[in-house]
Amino acid sequence: MTMMAGAMVHDAEAFIRRHLELRPAPSVPEIALYAAHPASRLGRLPGGGGEPPYWAYHWAGGSALARHILDNPDIVGGRTVTDLGCGSGIVAIAAAKGGASRVTAIDTDHYAVAATALNAQENGVTIDVLQADILDDPSPSADLILAGDLFYNRSLARRTLPFLQRCRAVGISVLIGDPGRKTLPRSRLTAVAEYRVADFGEGEASGGIYTLAK
C-alpha cells in the first residue's frame, strides 16, 4: 500500500469512528460492525455522489453468507480464504471466526478497506485487507473464494463471473451469497442454502448461497 493510500485509509478510519455506530449486525449478531445511523450523514463523503456507501449497511447476500459460514464452520476451517468485494468485512470476519487459517479481504474502495480493518479489530480477528481490483488478474492463492453481493449490476457481473470461473478451473472453491438479483448467473450456479436475513433498509430478503461448478 502506498503512503498516499495509507493516509487515505487512516482518514477513512477516523471518519468511520466519528460518524458510524458499532453494533451487532442484523441476522449475524455474533459480529459487531460499524454501521450507518440517521445522524451519520454519509452523503457528504467525497466522490460519493450522494449515494449511500455500501460498506456502511447490511446486504442480504453478505449477511446470508456470513450466517452460513458461522453455522457451518467446517466450510472455512483450516483453509486460506479470500473475501472478494469485502464491503464491511462481515464475510471475512465470519471466515476468521470459523477457523480459517488465513483470510484476505479485498475491495476497491478505501473506505471499505478501512471499515473492514476496524471491524476485524473490534471482533478480535486477524484479516489481511487489500485495496485492489483483481477481477482481471490471475486467480489468487486461496482454497476458497467468498463473494457476497457481487452481482448487483450487469457490468460488475460480467467481470465477476469469468474471474470466479478462472478460480474454479484451478481447483479453488467458490461460494456466493446473493438475494437472487436478475444479473445473478443462475444457470452456472448450484443453490446450497437459503436464509431469511435483514437487507438494506428496514426489510428482509432471502439470501441464497450458491456454489460455482467447474
C-alpha atoms as a PDB file:
ATOM      1  CA  MET A   1       0.000   0.000   0.000  1.00  0.00           C
ATOM      2  CA  THR A   2       1.413   3.394  -0.945  1.00  0.00           C
ATOM      3  CA  MET A   3       1.919   6.168   1.596  1.00  0.00           C
ATOM      4  CA  MET A   4      -0.934   8.147  -0.009  1.00  0.00           C
ATOM      5  CA  ALA A   5      -3.243   5.140   0.135  1.00  0.00           C
ATOM      6  CA  GLY A   6      -2.246   4.527   3.752  1.00  0.00           C
ATOM      7  CA  ALA A   7      -3.077   8.131   4.654  1.00  0.00           C
ATOM      8  CA  MET A   8      -6.436   7.849   2.895  1.00  0.00           C
ATOM      9  CA  VAL A   9      -7.296   4.710   4.844  1.00  0.00           C
ATOM     10  CA  HIS A  10      -6.236   6.385   8.095  1.00  0.00           C
ATOM     11  CA  ASP A  11      -8.518   9.354   7.345  1.00  0.00           C
ATOM     12  CA  ALA A  12     -11.324   6.952   6.440  1.00  0.00           C
ATOM     13  CA  GLU A  13     -10.906   5.112   9.743  1.00  0.00           C
ATOM     14  CA  ALA A  14     -11.198   8.405  11.641  1.00  0.00           C
ATOM     15  CA  PHE A  15     -14.349   9.279   9.683  1.00  0.00           C
ATOM     16  CA  ILE A  16     -15.906   5.891  10.404  1.00  0.00           C
ATOM     17  CA  ARG A  17     -15.190   6.076  14.123  1.00  0.00           C
ATOM     18  CA  ARG A  18     -16.685   9.571  14.256  1.00  0.00           C
ATOM     19  CA  HIS A  19     -19.820   9.074  12.159  1.00  0.00           C
ATOM     20  CA  LEU A  20     -20.789   5.399  12.418  1.00  0.00           C
ATOM     21  CA  GLU A  21     -22.003   3.315  15.322  1.00  0.00           C
ATOM     22  CA  LEU A  22     -20.575  -0.044  16.381  1.00  0.00           C
ATOM     23  CA  ARG A  23     -23.401  -2.534  16.913  1.00  0.00           C
ATOM     24  CA  PRO A  24     -24.299  -6.194  16.301  1.00  0.00           C
ATOM     25  CA  ALA A  25     -25.004  -6.980  12.657  1.00  0.00           C
ATOM     26  CA  PRO A  26     -28.649  -7.759  11.853  1.00  0.00           C
ATOM     27  CA  SER A  27     -29.096 -11.519  11.330  1.00  0.00           C
ATOM     28  CA  VAL A  28     -25.475 -12.107  12.392  1.00  0.00           C
ATOM     29  CA  PRO A  29     -25.327 -10.757  15.964  1.00  0.00           C
ATOM     30  CA  GLU A  30     -22.104 -12.632  16.701  1.00  0.00           C
ATOM     31  CA  ILE A  31     -20.367  -9.965  14.606  1.00  0.00           C
ATOM     32  CA  ALA A  32     -20.252  -6.265  15.520  1.00  0.00           C
ATOM     33  CA  LEU A  33     -19.901  -3.749  12.688  1.00  0.00           C
ATOM     34  CA  TYR A  34     -19.556  -0.004  12.332  1.00  0.00           C
ATOM     35  CA  ALA A  35     -22.851   0.878  10.656  1.00  0.00           C
ATOM     36  CA  ALA A  36     -24.681   3.961   9.452  1.00  0.00           C
ATOM     37  CA  HIS A  37     -27.387   5.568  11.568  1.00  0.00           C
ATOM     38  CA  PRO A  38     -29.752   8.514  10.913  1.00  0.00           C
ATOM     39  CA  ALA A  39     -27.210  11.108  12.084  1.00  0.00           C
ATOM     40  CA  SER A  40     -24.306   9.733  10.022  1.00  0.00           C
ATOM     41  CA  ARG A  41     -24.948  11.992   7.005  1.00  0.00           C
ATOM     42  CA  LEU A  42     -22.841   9.772   4.805  1.00  0.00           C
ATOM     43  CA  GLY A  43     -23.934  11.579   1.655  1.00  0.00           C
ATOM     44  CA  ARG A  44     -21.156  14.061   2.489  1.00  0.00           C
ATOM     45  CA  LEU A  45     -18.444  11.592   1.570  1.00  0.00           C
ATOM     46  CA  PRO A  46     -16.167  12.933  -1.196  1.00  0.00           C
ATOM     47  CA  GLY A  47     -16.925  11.286  -4.511  1.00  0.00           C
ATOM     48  CA  GLY A  48     -19.989   9.561  -3.159  1.00  0.00           C
ATOM     49  CA  GLY A  49     -22.438  11.464  -5.337  1.00  0.00           C
ATOM     50  CA  GLY A  50     -24.915  11.443  -2.501  1.00  0.00           C
ATOM     51  CA  GLU A  51     -25.316   7.663  -2.768  1.00  0.00           C
ATOM     52  CA  PRO A  52     -25.279   5.610   0.459  1.00  0.00           C
ATOM     53  CA  PRO A  53     -21.914   3.821   0.792  1.00  0.00           C
ATOM     54  CA  TYR A  54     -22.395   0.063   0.553  1.00  0.00           C
ATOM     55  CA  TRP A  55     -19.787  -0.688   3.245  1.00  0.00           C
ATOM     56  CA  ALA A  56     -21.852   1.079   5.933  1.00  0.00           C
ATOM     57  CA  TYR A  57     -25.003  -1.025   5.523  1.00  0.00           C
ATOM     58  CA  HIS A  58     -26.062  -4.653   5.710  1.00  0.00           C
ATOM     59  CA  TRP A  59     -26.874  -6.515   2.496  1.00  0.00           C
ATOM     60  CA  ALA A  60     -28.710  -9.799   2.181  1.00  0.00           C
ATOM     61  CA  GLY A  61     -26.059 -11.683   0.215  1.00  0.00           C
ATOM     62  CA  GLY A  62     -23.214 -10.922   2.596  1.00  0.00           C
ATOM     63  CA  SER A  63     -25.377 -11.433   5.675  1.00  0.00           C
ATOM     64  CA  ALA A  64     -26.566 -14.822   4.413  1.00  0.00           C
ATOM     65  CA  LEU A  65     -23.034 -15.884   3.509  1.00  0.00           C
ATOM     66  CA  ALA A  66     -21.700 -14.873   6.928  1.00  0.00           C
ATOM     67  CA  ARG A  67     -24.596 -16.687   8.620  1.00  0.00           C
ATOM     68  CA  HIS A  68     -23.932 -19.812   6.551  1.00  0.00           C
ATOM     69  CA  ILE A  69     -20.232 -19.814   7.468  1.00  0.00           C
ATOM     70  CA  LEU A  70     -20.829 -19.326  11.184  1.00  0.00           C
ATOM     71  CA  ASP A  71     -23.440 -22.110  11.168  1.00  0.00           C
ATOM     72  CA  ASN A  72     -21.115 -24.396   9.163  1.00  0.00           C
ATOM     73  CA  PRO A  73     -17.541 -23.520  10.208  1.00  0.00           C
ATOM     74  CA  ASP A  74     -16.125 -26.646   8.550  1.00  0.00           C
ATOM     75  CA  ILE A  75     -16.533 -24.751   5.263  1.00  0.00           C
ATOM     76  CA  VAL A  76     -13.607 -22.500   6.173  1.00  0.00           C
ATOM     77  CA  GLY A  77     -11.819 -24.385   8.953  1.00  0.00           C
ATOM     78  CA  GLY A  78      -8.081 -24.605   8.275  1.00  0.00           C
ATOM     79  CA  ARG A  79      -8.415 -23.113   4.789  1.00  0.00           C
ATOM     80  CA  THR A  80      -6.983 -19.995   3.159  1.00  0.00           C
ATOM     81  CA  VAL A  81      -9.880 -17.730   2.235  1.00  0.00           C
ATOM     82  CA  THR A  82     -10.282 -14.658   0.033  1.00  0.00           C
ATOM     83  CA  ASP A  83     -13.309 -12.400   0.539  1.00  0.00           C
ATOM     84  CA  LEU A  84     -13.862 -10.652  -2.788  1.00  0.00           C
ATOM     85  CA  GLY A  85     -15.550  -7.231  -2.543  1.00  0.00           C
ATOM     86  CA  CYS A  86     -15.464  -7.312   1.246  1.00  0.00           C
ATOM     87  CA  GLY A  87     -17.527  -4.163   1.950  1.00  0.00           C
ATOM     88  CA  SER A  88     -17.932  -4.028   5.731  1.00  0.00           C
ATOM     89  CA  GLY A  89     -15.879  -7.205   6.164  1.00  0.00           C
ATOM     90  CA  ILE A  90     -18.748  -9.258   7.599  1.00  0.00           C
ATOM     91  CA  VAL A  91     -17.989 -12.315   5.449  1.00  0.00           C
ATOM     92  CA  ALA A  92     -14.236 -12.161   6.072  1.00  0.00           C
ATOM     93  CA  ILE A  93     -14.831 -11.826   9.814  1.00  0.00           C
ATOM     94  CA  ALA A  94     -17.167 -14.824   9.765  1.00  0.00           C
ATOM     95  CA  ALA A  95     -14.465 -16.835   7.981  1.00  0.00           C
ATOM     96  CA  ALA A  96     -11.863 -15.837  10.566  1.00  0.00           C
ATOM     97  CA  LYS A  97     -14.232 -16.692  13.415  1.00  0.00           C
ATOM     98  CA  GLY A  98     -14.969 -20.014  11.698  1.00  0.00           C
ATOM     99  CA  GLY A  99     -11.330 -21.063  11.907  1.00  0.00           C
ATOM    100  CA  ALA A 100      -9.843 -20.178   8.522  1.00  0.00           C
ATOM    101  CA  SER A 101      -6.054 -20.398   8.592  1.00  0.00           C
ATOM    102  CA  ARG A 102      -5.732 -17.087   6.745  1.00  0.00           C
ATOM    103  CA  VAL A 103      -8.279 -14.579   5.469  1.00  0.00           C
ATOM    104  CA  THR A 104      -7.639 -11.913   2.845  1.00  0.00           C
ATOM    105  CA  ALA A 105     -10.341  -9.275   2.311  1.00  0.00           C
ATOM    106  CA  ILE A 106     -10.243  -7.264  -0.920  1.00  0.00           C
ATOM    107  CA  ASP A 107     -12.173  -4.195  -2.034  1.00  0.00           C
ATOM    108  CA  THR A 108     -11.637  -1.306  -4.448  1.00  0.00           C
ATOM    109  CA  ASP A 109     -12.926   1.368  -2.046  1.00  0.00           C
ATOM    110  CA  HIS A 110     -10.557   2.692   0.623  1.00  0.00           C
ATOM    111  CA  TYR A 111     -13.481   3.342   2.980  1.00  0.00           C
ATOM    112  CA  ALA A 112     -14.461  -0.332   2.684  1.00  0.00           C
ATOM    113  CA  VAL A 113     -10.856  -1.302   3.389  1.00  0.00           C
ATOM    114  CA  ALA A 114     -10.834   0.949   6.461  1.00  0.00           C
ATOM    115  CA  ALA A 115     -14.214  -0.354   7.654  1.00  0.00           C
ATOM    116  CA  THR A 116     -13.110  -3.967   7.280  1.00  0.00           C
ATOM    117  CA  ALA A 117      -9.891  -3.338   9.199  1.00  0.00           C
ATOM    118  CA  LEU A 118     -11.742  -1.578  12.026  1.00  0.00           C
ATOM    119  CA  ASN A 119     -14.477  -4.198  12.177  1.00  0.00           C
ATOM    120  CA  ALA A 120     -11.927  -7.018  12.268  1.00  0.00           C
ATOM    121  CA  GLN A 121     -10.159  -5.306  15.157  1.00  0.00           C
ATOM    122  CA  GLU A 122     -13.408  -4.864  17.075  1.00  0.00           C
ATOM    123  CA  ASN A 123     -14.222  -8.548  16.610  1.00  0.00           C
ATOM    124  CA  GLY A 124     -10.793  -9.719  17.720  1.00  0.00           C
ATOM    125  CA  VAL A 125      -9.811 -11.428  14.469  1.00  0.00           C
ATOM    126  CA  THR A 126      -6.826 -11.039  12.154  1.00  0.00           C
ATOM    127  CA  ILE A 127      -7.527 -10.333   8.484  1.00  0.00           C
ATOM    128  CA  ASP A 128      -5.239  -9.179   5.669  1.00  0.00           C
ATOM    129  CA  VAL A 129      -7.024  -6.273   3.988  1.00  0.00           C
ATOM    130  CA  LEU A 130      -6.123  -5.152   0.478  1.00  0.00           C
ATOM    131  CA  GLN A 131      -7.381  -2.269  -1.664  1.00  0.00           C
ATOM    132  CA  ALA A 132      -7.301  -3.573  -5.230  1.00  0.00           C
ATOM    133  CA  ASP A 133      -9.300  -4.586  -8.277  1.00  0.00           C
ATOM    134  CA  ILE A 134      -8.237  -8.161  -9.062  1.00  0.00           C
ATOM    135  CA  LEU A 135     -11.053  -9.192 -11.420  1.00  0.00           C
ATOM    136  CA  ASP A 136      -8.765  -9.099 -14.453  1.00  0.00           C
ATOM    137  CA  ASP A 137      -5.888 -10.811 -12.640  1.00  0.00           C
ATOM    138  CA  PRO A 138      -4.951 -14.493 -12.427  1.00  0.00           C
ATOM    139  CA  SER A 139      -6.597 -16.444  -9.640  1.00  0.00           C
ATOM    140  CA  PRO A 140      -5.212 -15.721  -6.160  1.00  0.00           C
ATOM    141  CA  SER A 141      -3.512 -18.231  -3.894  1.00  0.00           C
ATOM    142  CA  ALA A 142      -6.507 -19.463  -1.880  1.00  0.00           C
ATOM    143  CA  ASP A 143      -8.528 -22.558  -1.085  1.00  0.00           C
ATOM    144  CA  LEU A 144     -11.851 -20.726  -1.096  1.00  0.00           C
ATOM    145  CA  ILE A 145     -13.250 -17.544  -2.661  1.00  0.00           C
ATOM    146  CA  LEU A 146     -16.218 -15.913  -0.920  1.00  0.00           C
ATOM    147  CA  ALA A 147     -18.297 -13.441  -2.930  1.00  0.00           C
ATOM    148  CA  GLY A 148     -21.193 -11.669  -1.246  1.00  0.00           C
ATOM    149  CA  ASP A 149     -23.395  -9.259  -3.249  1.00  0.00           C
ATOM    150  CA  LEU A 150     -21.103  -9.003  -6.268  1.00  0.00           C
ATOM    151  CA  PHE A 151     -23.821  -9.452  -8.891  1.00  0.00           C
ATOM    152  CA  TYR A 152     -25.748  -6.265  -8.163  1.00  0.00           C
ATOM    153  CA  ASN A 153     -25.315  -4.758 -11.642  1.00  0.00           C
ATOM    154  CA  ARG A 154     -24.676  -6.082 -15.132  1.00  0.00           C
ATOM    155  CA  SER A 155     -21.241  -4.576 -15.708  1.00  0.00           C
ATOM    156  CA  LEU A 156     -19.809  -5.957 -12.463  1.00  0.00           C
ATOM    157  CA  ALA A 157     -21.475  -9.335 -13.010  1.00  0.00           C
ATOM    158  CA  ARG A 158     -19.835  -9.592 -16.451  1.00  0.00           C
ATOM    159  CA  ARG A 159     -16.402  -9.173 -14.873  1.00  0.00           C
ATOM    160  CA  THR A 160     -17.029 -11.217 -11.726  1.00  0.00           C
ATOM    161  CA  LEU A 161     -18.237 -14.449 -13.318  1.00  0.00           C
ATOM    162  CA  PRO A 162     -15.174 -15.012 -15.562  1.00  0.00           C
ATOM    163  CA  PHE A 163     -12.857 -14.332 -12.619  1.00  0.00           C
ATOM    164  CA  LEU A 164     -14.685 -16.844 -10.427  1.00  0.00           C
ATOM    165  CA  GLN A 165     -14.664 -19.356 -13.281  1.00  0.00           C
ATOM    166  CA  ARG A 166     -10.877 -18.990 -13.614  1.00  0.00           C
ATOM    167  CA  CYS A 167     -10.548 -19.616  -9.885  1.00  0.00           C
ATOM    168  CA  ARG A 168     -12.761 -22.674 -10.042  1.00  0.00           C
ATOM    169  CA  ALA A 169     -10.855 -24.052 -13.043  1.00  0.00           C
ATOM    170  CA  VAL A 170      -7.649 -24.266 -10.976  1.00  0.00           C
ATOM    171  CA  GLY A 171      -9.376 -26.007  -8.081  1.00  0.00           C
ATOM    172  CA  ILE A 172     -10.357 -23.077  -5.855  1.00  0.00           C
ATOM    173  CA  SER A 173     -13.786 -23.492  -4.273  1.00  0.00           C
ATOM    174  CA  VAL A 174     -16.250 -20.628  -4.755  1.00  0.00           C
ATOM    175  CA  LEU A 175     -19.168 -19.702  -2.511  1.00  0.00           C
ATOM    176  CA  ILE A 176     -21.544 -16.893  -3.488  1.00  0.00           C
ATOM    177  CA  GLY A 177     -24.153 -15.043  -1.429  1.00  0.00           C
ATOM    178  CA  ASP A 178     -26.896 -13.172  -3.277  1.00  0.00           C
ATOM    179  CA  PRO A 179     -30.612 -12.382  -2.804  1.00  0.00           C
ATOM    180  CA  GLY A 180     -31.407 -13.541  -6.335  1.00  0.00           C
ATOM    181  CA  ARG A 181     -30.771 -10.442  -8.421  1.00  0.00           C
ATOM    182  CA  LYS A 182     -31.580 -10.512 -12.140  1.00  0.00           C
ATOM    183  CA  THR A 183     -27.887 -10.387 -13.004  1.00  0.00           C
ATOM    184  CA  LEU A 184     -27.059 -13.488 -10.940  1.00  0.00           C
ATOM    185  CA  PRO A 185     -25.917 -16.207 -13.422  1.00  0.00           C
ATOM    186  CA  ARG A 186     -28.200 -18.898 -12.016  1.00  0.00           C
ATOM    187  CA  SER A 187     -27.565 -21.327 -14.898  1.00  0.00           C
ATOM    188  CA  ARG A 188     -23.901 -21.526 -13.846  1.00  0.00           C
ATOM    189  CA  LEU A 189     -24.622 -21.999 -10.137  1.00  0.00           C
ATOM    190  CA  THR A 190     -25.902 -24.644  -7.749  1.00  0.00           C
ATOM    191  CA  ALA A 191     -28.015 -23.462  -4.797  1.00  0.00           C
ATOM    192  CA  VAL A 192     -26.954 -24.977  -1.479  1.00  0.00           C
ATOM    193  CA  ALA A 193     -28.830 -22.979   1.180  1.00  0.00           C
ATOM    194  CA  GLU A 194     -31.162 -20.053   1.780  1.00  0.00           C
ATOM    195  CA  TYR A 195     -31.535 -17.717   4.749  1.00  0.00           C
ATOM    196  CA  ARG A 196     -34.109 -15.092   5.617  1.00  0.00           C
ATOM    197  CA  VAL A 197     -31.931 -12.145   6.595  1.00  0.00           C
ATOM    198  CA  ALA A 198     -32.076  -8.384   7.027  1.00  0.00           C
ATOM    199  CA  ASP A 199     -31.480  -6.426   3.843  1.00  0.00           C
ATOM    200  CA  PHE A 200     -30.524  -2.800   3.131  1.00  0.00           C
ATOM    201  CA  GLY A 201     -33.158  -0.552   4.697  1.00  0.00           C
ATOM    202  CA  GLU A 202     -35.632  -1.973   7.157  1.00  0.00           C
ATOM    203  CA  GLY A 203     -36.810  -5.046   5.269  1.00  0.00           C
ATOM    204  CA  GLU A 204     -35.793  -8.671   4.903  1.00  0.00           C
ATOM    205  CA  ALA A 205     -34.837 -10.782   1.914  1.00  0.00           C
ATOM    206  CA  SER A 206     -33.992 -14.363   1.117  1.00  0.00           C
ATOM    207  CA  GLY A 207     -30.232 -14.615   0.819  1.00  0.00           C
ATOM    208  CA  GLY A 208     -29.198 -17.551  -1.305  1.00  0.00           C
ATOM    209  CA  ILE A 209     -25.903 -19.442  -1.028  1.00  0.00           C
ATOM    210  CA  TYR A 210     -24.508 -20.862  -4.271  1.00  0.00           C
ATOM    211  CA  THR A 211     -21.530 -22.852  -5.468  1.00  0.00           C
ATOM    212  CA  LEU A 212     -19.941 -22.494  -8.879  1.00  0.00           C
ATOM    213  CA  ALA A 213     -19.402 -25.651 -10.902  1.00  0.00           C
ATOM    214  CA  LYS A 214     -16.121 -26.266 -12.742  1.00  0.00           C
END
